[in-house]
N, C-alpha and C. Protein backbone atom coordinates (compact mmCIF):
# COMPACT_ATOMS: atom_id res chain seq x y z
N MET A 1 21.94 -54.71 -57.85
CA MET A 1 21.04 -55.70 -58.40
C MET A 1 20.18 -55.02 -59.46
N ALA A 2 20.02 -55.64 -60.59
CA ALA A 2 19.23 -55.07 -61.67
C ALA A 2 17.84 -55.69 -61.69
N PHE A 3 16.83 -54.83 -61.81
CA PHE A 3 15.44 -55.23 -62.03
C PHE A 3 15.04 -54.67 -63.38
N GLY A 4 15.33 -55.43 -64.45
CA GLY A 4 15.05 -54.92 -65.78
C GLY A 4 15.92 -53.70 -66.05
N GLU A 5 15.30 -52.56 -66.29
CA GLU A 5 16.02 -51.32 -66.56
C GLU A 5 16.35 -50.55 -65.29
N ARG A 6 15.85 -51.01 -64.13
CA ARG A 6 16.09 -50.32 -62.86
C ARG A 6 17.17 -51.03 -62.07
N ILE A 7 17.94 -50.25 -61.31
CA ILE A 7 19.02 -50.80 -60.51
C ILE A 7 18.81 -50.43 -59.05
N PHE A 8 19.02 -51.40 -58.17
CA PHE A 8 18.96 -51.18 -56.72
C PHE A 8 20.37 -51.41 -56.18
N VAL A 9 20.86 -50.44 -55.41
CA VAL A 9 22.20 -50.55 -54.86
C VAL A 9 22.13 -50.59 -53.35
N ALA A 10 22.77 -51.59 -52.76
CA ALA A 10 22.89 -51.69 -51.30
C ALA A 10 24.36 -51.96 -51.00
N ARG A 11 25.04 -50.93 -50.52
CA ARG A 11 26.45 -51.08 -50.18
C ARG A 11 26.58 -51.95 -48.93
N ILE A 12 27.71 -52.66 -48.80
CA ILE A 12 27.92 -53.52 -47.63
C ILE A 12 27.84 -52.70 -46.34
N SER A 13 28.28 -51.45 -46.38
CA SER A 13 28.17 -50.60 -45.18
C SER A 13 26.71 -50.35 -44.82
N ASP A 14 25.86 -50.18 -45.83
CA ASP A 14 24.41 -50.02 -45.58
C ASP A 14 23.82 -51.29 -44.99
N LEU A 15 24.21 -52.44 -45.55
CA LEU A 15 23.70 -53.72 -45.05
C LEU A 15 24.13 -53.97 -43.62
N ARG A 16 25.36 -53.62 -43.30
CA ARG A 16 25.85 -53.77 -41.92
C ARG A 16 25.02 -52.92 -40.96
N GLU A 17 24.76 -51.68 -41.34
CA GLU A 17 23.99 -50.78 -40.49
C GLU A 17 22.55 -51.29 -40.31
N LEU A 18 21.92 -51.73 -41.38
CA LEU A 18 20.57 -52.28 -41.29
C LEU A 18 20.54 -53.53 -40.41
N ALA A 19 21.52 -54.40 -40.58
CA ALA A 19 21.58 -55.62 -39.77
C ALA A 19 21.75 -55.28 -38.29
N LYS A 20 22.59 -54.30 -38.01
CA LYS A 20 22.82 -53.87 -36.63
C LYS A 20 21.54 -53.32 -36.01
N LEU A 21 20.83 -52.47 -36.74
CA LEU A 21 19.59 -51.88 -36.25
C LEU A 21 18.51 -52.95 -36.02
N ARG A 22 18.41 -53.91 -36.95
CA ARG A 22 17.43 -55.00 -36.79
C ARG A 22 17.75 -55.84 -35.56
N ARG A 23 19.02 -56.15 -35.41
CA ARG A 23 19.42 -56.97 -34.26
C ARG A 23 19.11 -56.25 -32.95
N GLU A 24 19.43 -54.96 -32.87
CA GLU A 24 19.13 -54.18 -31.67
C GLU A 24 17.64 -54.12 -31.39
N ALA A 25 16.82 -54.13 -32.44
CA ALA A 25 15.36 -54.08 -32.28
C ALA A 25 14.76 -55.47 -32.02
N GLY A 26 15.58 -56.52 -32.08
CA GLY A 26 15.08 -57.87 -31.85
C GLY A 26 14.32 -58.45 -33.02
N VAL A 27 14.59 -57.96 -34.23
CA VAL A 27 13.90 -58.43 -35.43
C VAL A 27 14.77 -59.45 -36.15
N LYS A 28 14.16 -60.59 -36.48
CA LYS A 28 14.88 -61.60 -37.27
C LYS A 28 14.61 -61.32 -38.74
N PRO A 29 15.64 -61.03 -39.52
CA PRO A 29 15.41 -60.68 -40.92
C PRO A 29 15.14 -61.91 -41.79
N GLU A 30 14.36 -61.69 -42.82
CA GLU A 30 14.22 -62.66 -43.90
C GLU A 30 15.25 -62.24 -44.94
N LEU A 31 16.20 -63.09 -45.21
CA LEU A 31 17.26 -62.78 -46.16
C LEU A 31 16.80 -63.20 -47.55
N GLU A 32 16.29 -62.25 -48.32
CA GLU A 32 15.82 -62.54 -49.67
C GLU A 32 17.01 -62.60 -50.61
N CYS A 33 17.25 -63.78 -51.14
CA CYS A 33 18.43 -64.01 -51.98
C CYS A 33 18.02 -64.23 -53.43
N PHE A 34 18.34 -63.26 -54.25
CA PHE A 34 18.02 -63.34 -55.67
C PHE A 34 19.10 -64.10 -56.44
N ASP A 35 20.30 -64.21 -55.84
CA ASP A 35 21.37 -64.94 -56.52
C ASP A 35 22.37 -65.45 -55.49
N LEU A 36 23.35 -66.20 -55.95
CA LEU A 36 24.33 -66.81 -55.05
C LEU A 36 25.15 -65.78 -54.29
N GLY A 37 25.41 -64.65 -54.90
CA GLY A 37 26.18 -63.60 -54.24
C GLY A 37 25.47 -63.06 -53.01
N HIS A 38 24.16 -63.01 -53.05
CA HIS A 38 23.41 -62.55 -51.87
C HIS A 38 23.60 -63.50 -50.69
N ILE A 39 23.66 -64.79 -50.96
CA ILE A 39 23.87 -65.77 -49.88
C ILE A 39 25.27 -65.58 -49.30
N GLU A 40 26.26 -65.36 -50.15
CA GLU A 40 27.62 -65.15 -49.66
C GLU A 40 27.71 -63.87 -48.81
N THR A 41 27.00 -62.82 -49.21
CA THR A 41 26.98 -61.59 -48.41
C THR A 41 26.32 -61.85 -47.06
N ALA A 42 25.23 -62.61 -47.05
CA ALA A 42 24.56 -62.94 -45.80
C ALA A 42 25.49 -63.74 -44.88
N LYS A 43 26.23 -64.68 -45.45
CA LYS A 43 27.17 -65.47 -44.66
C LYS A 43 28.24 -64.57 -44.03
N ARG A 44 28.65 -63.57 -44.78
CA ARG A 44 29.64 -62.62 -44.26
C ARG A 44 29.08 -61.84 -43.07
N LEU A 45 27.83 -61.39 -43.17
CA LEU A 45 27.20 -60.65 -42.06
C LEU A 45 26.97 -61.55 -40.85
N ILE A 46 26.71 -62.83 -41.08
CA ILE A 46 26.57 -63.79 -39.98
C ILE A 46 27.92 -63.96 -39.30
N SER A 47 29.00 -64.11 -40.09
CA SER A 47 30.33 -64.29 -39.51
C SER A 47 30.76 -63.07 -38.71
N GLU A 48 30.24 -61.90 -39.07
CA GLU A 48 30.53 -60.67 -38.33
C GLU A 48 29.57 -60.47 -37.16
N GLN A 49 28.71 -61.47 -36.93
CA GLN A 49 27.73 -61.48 -35.84
C GLN A 49 26.74 -60.32 -35.93
N LEU A 50 26.47 -59.87 -37.14
CA LEU A 50 25.47 -58.83 -37.35
C LEU A 50 24.10 -59.43 -37.61
N ILE A 51 24.10 -60.68 -38.07
CA ILE A 51 22.86 -61.45 -38.23
C ILE A 51 23.03 -62.71 -37.40
N GLU A 52 22.04 -62.98 -36.58
CA GLU A 52 22.10 -64.12 -35.68
C GLU A 52 21.89 -65.43 -36.45
N ALA A 53 22.69 -66.41 -36.14
CA ALA A 53 22.53 -67.74 -36.74
C ALA A 53 21.54 -68.53 -35.87
N PRO A 54 20.77 -69.43 -36.44
CA PRO A 54 20.68 -69.73 -37.87
C PRO A 54 19.80 -68.70 -38.57
N PRO A 55 20.15 -68.35 -39.78
CA PRO A 55 19.36 -67.35 -40.51
C PRO A 55 18.13 -67.97 -41.16
N PHE A 56 17.23 -67.11 -41.58
CA PHE A 56 16.09 -67.50 -42.40
C PHE A 56 16.32 -66.93 -43.78
N SER A 57 16.51 -67.79 -44.77
CA SER A 57 16.84 -67.37 -46.11
C SER A 57 15.74 -67.74 -47.08
N SER A 58 15.34 -66.79 -47.91
CA SER A 58 14.34 -67.04 -48.96
C SER A 58 14.98 -66.88 -50.32
N SER A 59 14.88 -67.93 -51.12
CA SER A 59 15.32 -67.83 -52.51
C SER A 59 14.17 -67.26 -53.31
N VAL A 60 14.48 -66.33 -54.17
CA VAL A 60 13.47 -65.64 -54.95
C VAL A 60 13.53 -66.12 -56.38
N SER A 61 12.37 -66.40 -56.94
CA SER A 61 12.30 -66.81 -58.34
C SER A 61 11.48 -65.81 -59.12
N ALA A 62 12.05 -65.33 -60.16
CA ALA A 62 11.33 -64.54 -61.15
C ALA A 62 11.90 -64.97 -62.49
N ARG A 63 11.10 -64.96 -63.50
CA ARG A 63 11.52 -65.50 -64.79
C ARG A 63 12.88 -64.97 -65.23
N ALA A 64 13.18 -63.74 -64.92
CA ALA A 64 14.44 -63.15 -65.37
C ALA A 64 15.62 -63.49 -64.47
N THR A 65 15.37 -64.10 -63.29
CA THR A 65 16.48 -64.28 -62.36
C THR A 65 16.82 -65.73 -62.02
N ALA A 66 15.94 -66.70 -62.24
CA ALA A 66 16.24 -68.03 -61.73
C ALA A 66 15.78 -69.15 -62.65
N LEU A 67 16.38 -69.23 -63.82
CA LEU A 67 16.06 -70.32 -64.73
C LEU A 67 17.35 -71.03 -65.11
N PRO A 68 17.42 -72.33 -65.20
CA PRO A 68 16.35 -73.24 -64.84
C PRO A 68 16.16 -73.31 -63.32
N LEU A 69 14.95 -73.31 -62.90
CA LEU A 69 14.59 -73.14 -61.50
C LEU A 69 15.17 -74.19 -60.57
N LEU A 70 15.01 -75.45 -60.87
CA LEU A 70 15.48 -76.49 -59.96
C LEU A 70 16.98 -76.44 -59.73
N ARG A 71 17.74 -76.26 -60.78
CA ARG A 71 19.20 -76.19 -60.64
C ARG A 71 19.61 -74.98 -59.81
N SER A 72 18.95 -73.87 -60.04
CA SER A 72 19.24 -72.65 -59.29
C SER A 72 18.92 -72.82 -57.81
N LEU A 73 17.75 -73.36 -57.50
CA LEU A 73 17.36 -73.56 -56.10
C LEU A 73 18.29 -74.55 -55.41
N SER A 74 18.64 -75.62 -56.11
CA SER A 74 19.53 -76.63 -55.54
C SER A 74 20.88 -76.03 -55.17
N LYS A 75 21.44 -75.22 -56.04
CA LYS A 75 22.74 -74.60 -55.78
C LYS A 75 22.64 -73.61 -54.61
N ARG A 76 21.56 -72.84 -54.56
CA ARG A 76 21.38 -71.90 -53.45
C ARG A 76 21.29 -72.64 -52.12
N ARG A 77 20.50 -73.70 -52.09
CA ARG A 77 20.36 -74.48 -50.85
C ARG A 77 21.71 -75.07 -50.43
N GLU A 78 22.48 -75.51 -51.40
CA GLU A 78 23.78 -76.14 -51.14
C GLU A 78 24.76 -75.21 -50.43
N ILE A 79 24.73 -73.91 -50.74
CA ILE A 79 25.73 -73.00 -50.16
C ILE A 79 25.22 -72.24 -48.93
N LEU A 80 24.00 -72.53 -48.47
CA LEU A 80 23.50 -71.86 -47.26
C LEU A 80 24.36 -72.22 -46.06
N PRO A 81 24.42 -71.34 -45.07
CA PRO A 81 25.17 -71.68 -43.86
C PRO A 81 24.52 -72.86 -43.14
N PRO A 82 25.30 -73.63 -42.39
CA PRO A 82 24.73 -74.78 -41.67
C PRO A 82 23.59 -74.34 -40.75
N GLY A 83 22.53 -75.13 -40.75
CA GLY A 83 21.40 -74.86 -39.86
C GLY A 83 20.43 -73.81 -40.36
N ALA A 84 20.68 -73.25 -41.55
CA ALA A 84 19.79 -72.21 -42.05
C ALA A 84 18.39 -72.76 -42.28
N VAL A 85 17.39 -71.99 -41.90
CA VAL A 85 16.00 -72.29 -42.24
C VAL A 85 15.80 -71.66 -43.61
N TRP A 86 15.32 -72.44 -44.56
CA TRP A 86 15.25 -71.90 -45.91
C TRP A 86 13.90 -72.16 -46.55
N GLY A 87 13.60 -71.31 -47.47
CA GLY A 87 12.38 -71.42 -48.24
C GLY A 87 12.48 -70.47 -49.41
N GLY A 88 11.33 -70.03 -49.89
CA GLY A 88 11.37 -69.11 -50.99
C GLY A 88 10.00 -68.71 -51.45
N PHE A 89 10.00 -67.98 -52.55
CA PHE A 89 8.75 -67.54 -53.15
C PHE A 89 8.99 -67.21 -54.61
N GLY A 90 7.92 -67.26 -55.36
CA GLY A 90 7.97 -66.90 -56.76
C GLY A 90 7.22 -65.61 -57.00
N CYS A 91 7.66 -64.86 -57.97
CA CYS A 91 7.02 -63.59 -58.30
C CYS A 91 6.12 -63.78 -59.52
N GLY A 92 4.98 -63.12 -59.49
CA GLY A 92 4.06 -63.16 -60.62
C GLY A 92 3.63 -64.57 -60.96
N PRO A 93 3.68 -64.92 -62.24
CA PRO A 93 3.19 -66.23 -62.65
C PRO A 93 4.01 -67.40 -62.10
N ASP A 94 5.17 -67.13 -61.55
CA ASP A 94 6.00 -68.19 -60.97
C ASP A 94 5.61 -68.55 -59.54
N GLU A 95 4.67 -67.80 -58.94
CA GLU A 95 4.41 -67.99 -57.52
C GLU A 95 4.01 -69.42 -57.16
N MET A 96 2.99 -69.98 -57.80
CA MET A 96 2.52 -71.32 -57.42
C MET A 96 3.45 -72.42 -57.93
N ARG A 97 4.12 -72.19 -59.05
CA ARG A 97 5.11 -73.17 -59.52
C ARG A 97 6.23 -73.30 -58.49
N MET A 98 6.62 -72.17 -57.90
CA MET A 98 7.66 -72.17 -56.88
C MET A 98 7.20 -72.92 -55.63
N VAL A 99 5.92 -72.82 -55.28
CA VAL A 99 5.40 -73.57 -54.13
C VAL A 99 5.70 -75.05 -54.31
N GLY A 100 5.35 -75.58 -55.46
CA GLY A 100 5.59 -76.99 -55.73
C GLY A 100 7.06 -77.37 -55.70
N GLN A 101 7.90 -76.55 -56.30
CA GLN A 101 9.34 -76.85 -56.32
C GLN A 101 9.92 -76.85 -54.92
N LEU A 102 9.55 -75.85 -54.12
CA LEU A 102 10.10 -75.76 -52.76
C LEU A 102 9.66 -76.93 -51.89
N VAL A 103 8.39 -77.32 -52.00
CA VAL A 103 7.91 -78.46 -51.22
C VAL A 103 8.67 -79.71 -51.62
N THR A 104 8.88 -79.91 -52.92
CA THR A 104 9.63 -81.06 -53.41
C THR A 104 11.04 -81.11 -52.81
N MET A 105 11.65 -79.93 -52.61
CA MET A 105 13.02 -79.86 -52.12
C MET A 105 13.11 -79.73 -50.60
N GLY A 106 11.97 -79.75 -49.91
CA GLY A 106 11.99 -79.67 -48.45
C GLY A 106 12.07 -78.26 -47.89
N GLY A 107 11.79 -77.26 -48.72
CA GLY A 107 11.85 -75.88 -48.26
C GLY A 107 10.49 -75.37 -47.80
N HIS A 108 10.51 -74.21 -47.19
CA HIS A 108 9.30 -73.53 -46.75
C HIS A 108 8.85 -72.58 -47.86
N VAL A 109 7.57 -72.18 -47.83
CA VAL A 109 7.04 -71.32 -48.88
C VAL A 109 6.39 -70.08 -48.30
N ARG A 110 6.33 -69.06 -49.14
CA ARG A 110 5.64 -67.82 -48.83
C ARG A 110 4.86 -67.42 -50.06
N VAL A 111 3.62 -67.00 -49.85
CA VAL A 111 2.81 -66.47 -50.95
C VAL A 111 2.11 -65.21 -50.47
N GLY A 112 1.68 -64.39 -51.41
CA GLY A 112 0.92 -63.21 -51.04
C GLY A 112 0.98 -62.13 -52.09
N LEU A 113 0.16 -61.10 -51.85
CA LEU A 113 0.02 -60.01 -52.80
C LEU A 113 1.30 -59.20 -53.00
N GLU A 114 2.24 -59.30 -52.07
CA GLU A 114 3.50 -58.58 -52.25
C GLU A 114 4.21 -59.06 -53.52
N ASP A 115 4.02 -60.33 -53.85
CA ASP A 115 4.77 -60.94 -54.96
C ASP A 115 3.92 -61.23 -56.19
N ASN A 116 2.60 -61.26 -56.02
CA ASN A 116 1.72 -61.65 -57.12
C ASN A 116 0.31 -61.16 -56.83
N ILE A 117 -0.33 -60.53 -57.79
CA ILE A 117 -1.68 -60.02 -57.54
C ILE A 117 -2.77 -60.84 -58.22
N TYR A 118 -2.38 -61.91 -58.92
CA TYR A 118 -3.36 -62.69 -59.67
C TYR A 118 -3.51 -64.11 -59.13
N LEU A 119 -4.76 -64.56 -59.07
CA LEU A 119 -5.05 -65.95 -58.73
C LEU A 119 -4.76 -66.82 -59.95
N ARG A 120 -5.14 -66.34 -61.09
CA ARG A 120 -4.81 -66.94 -62.39
C ARG A 120 -4.91 -65.81 -63.41
N ARG A 121 -4.53 -66.06 -64.61
CA ARG A 121 -4.48 -65.02 -65.64
C ARG A 121 -5.78 -64.20 -65.67
N GLY A 122 -5.63 -62.91 -65.44
CA GLY A 122 -6.76 -61.99 -65.53
C GLY A 122 -7.68 -61.94 -64.32
N VAL A 123 -7.42 -62.76 -63.29
CA VAL A 123 -8.29 -62.80 -62.11
C VAL A 123 -7.50 -62.30 -60.90
N LEU A 124 -7.88 -61.09 -60.42
CA LEU A 124 -7.20 -60.54 -59.26
C LEU A 124 -7.46 -61.40 -58.03
N ALA A 125 -6.46 -61.51 -57.18
CA ALA A 125 -6.52 -62.37 -56.00
C ALA A 125 -6.58 -61.56 -54.72
N SER A 126 -6.95 -62.23 -53.65
CA SER A 126 -6.77 -61.72 -52.29
C SER A 126 -5.66 -62.55 -51.66
N ASN A 127 -5.09 -62.06 -50.57
CA ASN A 127 -4.09 -62.87 -49.87
C ASN A 127 -4.67 -64.21 -49.47
N ALA A 128 -5.90 -64.21 -48.95
CA ALA A 128 -6.52 -65.46 -48.52
C ALA A 128 -6.62 -66.46 -49.66
N GLU A 129 -7.00 -66.00 -50.86
CA GLU A 129 -7.12 -66.91 -52.00
C GLU A 129 -5.76 -67.48 -52.40
N LEU A 130 -4.71 -66.65 -52.35
CA LEU A 130 -3.38 -67.15 -52.69
C LEU A 130 -2.92 -68.19 -51.67
N VAL A 131 -3.18 -67.93 -50.39
CA VAL A 131 -2.80 -68.89 -49.35
C VAL A 131 -3.59 -70.19 -49.52
N GLU A 132 -4.90 -70.09 -49.75
CA GLU A 132 -5.71 -71.30 -49.96
C GLU A 132 -5.20 -72.11 -51.14
N ASN A 133 -4.82 -71.45 -52.22
CA ASN A 133 -4.29 -72.13 -53.40
C ASN A 133 -2.99 -72.85 -53.05
N ALA A 134 -2.10 -72.16 -52.33
CA ALA A 134 -0.82 -72.77 -51.94
C ALA A 134 -1.04 -73.94 -50.99
N VAL A 135 -1.94 -73.78 -50.03
CA VAL A 135 -2.24 -74.88 -49.10
C VAL A 135 -2.72 -76.11 -49.87
N GLY A 136 -3.58 -75.90 -50.86
CA GLY A 136 -4.06 -77.02 -51.67
C GLY A 136 -2.93 -77.74 -52.37
N ILE A 137 -2.01 -76.99 -52.95
CA ILE A 137 -0.84 -77.58 -53.63
C ILE A 137 -0.01 -78.38 -52.63
N ILE A 138 0.29 -77.76 -51.50
CA ILE A 138 1.13 -78.40 -50.48
C ILE A 138 0.51 -79.69 -49.98
N GLU A 139 -0.78 -79.65 -49.65
CA GLU A 139 -1.44 -80.84 -49.11
C GLU A 139 -1.59 -81.93 -50.16
N ARG A 140 -1.85 -81.56 -51.41
CA ARG A 140 -1.94 -82.58 -52.47
C ARG A 140 -0.58 -83.25 -52.72
N MET A 141 0.49 -82.57 -52.36
CA MET A 141 1.83 -83.15 -52.50
C MET A 141 2.18 -84.03 -51.31
N GLY A 142 1.28 -84.11 -50.32
CA GLY A 142 1.53 -84.96 -49.16
C GLY A 142 2.27 -84.27 -48.03
N ALA A 143 2.46 -82.98 -48.13
CA ALA A 143 3.13 -82.22 -47.06
C ALA A 143 2.07 -81.52 -46.21
N SER A 144 2.50 -80.87 -45.16
CA SER A 144 1.55 -80.17 -44.30
C SER A 144 1.99 -78.72 -44.12
N VAL A 145 1.03 -77.90 -43.73
CA VAL A 145 1.27 -76.47 -43.53
C VAL A 145 1.42 -76.22 -42.04
N ALA A 146 2.42 -75.44 -41.67
CA ALA A 146 2.67 -75.13 -40.27
C ALA A 146 1.57 -74.24 -39.71
N THR A 147 1.23 -74.47 -38.46
CA THR A 147 0.35 -73.54 -37.75
C THR A 147 1.16 -72.29 -37.42
N PRO A 148 0.52 -71.19 -37.01
CA PRO A 148 1.29 -70.01 -36.61
C PRO A 148 2.31 -70.33 -35.50
N ALA A 149 1.93 -71.12 -34.52
CA ALA A 149 2.86 -71.47 -33.44
C ALA A 149 4.03 -72.29 -33.96
N GLU A 150 3.75 -73.23 -34.86
CA GLU A 150 4.82 -74.05 -35.45
C GLU A 150 5.75 -73.19 -36.30
N ALA A 151 5.18 -72.24 -37.05
CA ALA A 151 6.01 -71.35 -37.88
C ALA A 151 6.93 -70.51 -37.00
N ARG A 152 6.42 -70.00 -35.88
CA ARG A 152 7.27 -69.22 -34.97
C ARG A 152 8.40 -70.09 -34.43
N ALA A 153 8.09 -71.34 -34.09
CA ALA A 153 9.12 -72.25 -33.57
C ALA A 153 10.18 -72.54 -34.64
N ILE A 154 9.75 -72.78 -35.87
CA ILE A 154 10.67 -73.05 -36.96
C ILE A 154 11.61 -71.87 -37.18
N LEU A 155 11.06 -70.67 -37.13
CA LEU A 155 11.84 -69.46 -37.40
C LEU A 155 12.59 -68.96 -36.17
N GLY A 156 12.24 -69.48 -34.99
CA GLY A 156 12.91 -69.04 -33.76
C GLY A 156 12.53 -67.62 -33.38
N VAL A 157 11.25 -67.27 -33.55
CA VAL A 157 10.78 -65.95 -33.18
C VAL A 157 9.67 -66.07 -32.13
N GLN A 158 9.46 -64.99 -31.40
CA GLN A 158 8.45 -64.93 -30.35
C GLN A 158 7.18 -64.30 -30.87
N LYS A 159 6.06 -64.69 -30.29
CA LYS A 159 4.78 -64.08 -30.63
C LYS A 159 4.75 -62.66 -30.06
N CYS A 160 4.31 -61.73 -30.89
CA CYS A 160 4.18 -60.34 -30.44
C CYS A 160 2.91 -60.24 -29.60
N GLU A 161 3.03 -59.60 -28.48
CA GLU A 161 1.86 -59.43 -27.61
C GLU A 161 1.27 -58.06 -27.78
């Protein structure tokens, strides 16, 4: 996968080993899919029973990887395995635009400093401010935000004690 001038390589053998280790540790992975090929690779790992179904898949939007956004998200959602829990996130200035698009399409959203450090141009954000901004967008669109217990139920994960 190319990130501008940088390249990240993950061989299928590496992905199999990581999936095996996560499964043994009881961790449900978030499958970050930057393109359609990533979804097909995830489906392959599910068919090999290295990732438990239903998976949690996040479509990633960054200006260089997913334009036009709606068509790209629609196609990604279309090829997900049956029963997949899906959502996504936007990087940098696409973060809040992606919130709106995902809500419109019935997906889940993720926001935070991992993907974007600005509340708006030139104004550094905190995680809390990014979440508050996303909650405002979601609620103004007529949708609701899951509680922590509801999110765990949606994802099929247990609360850590």
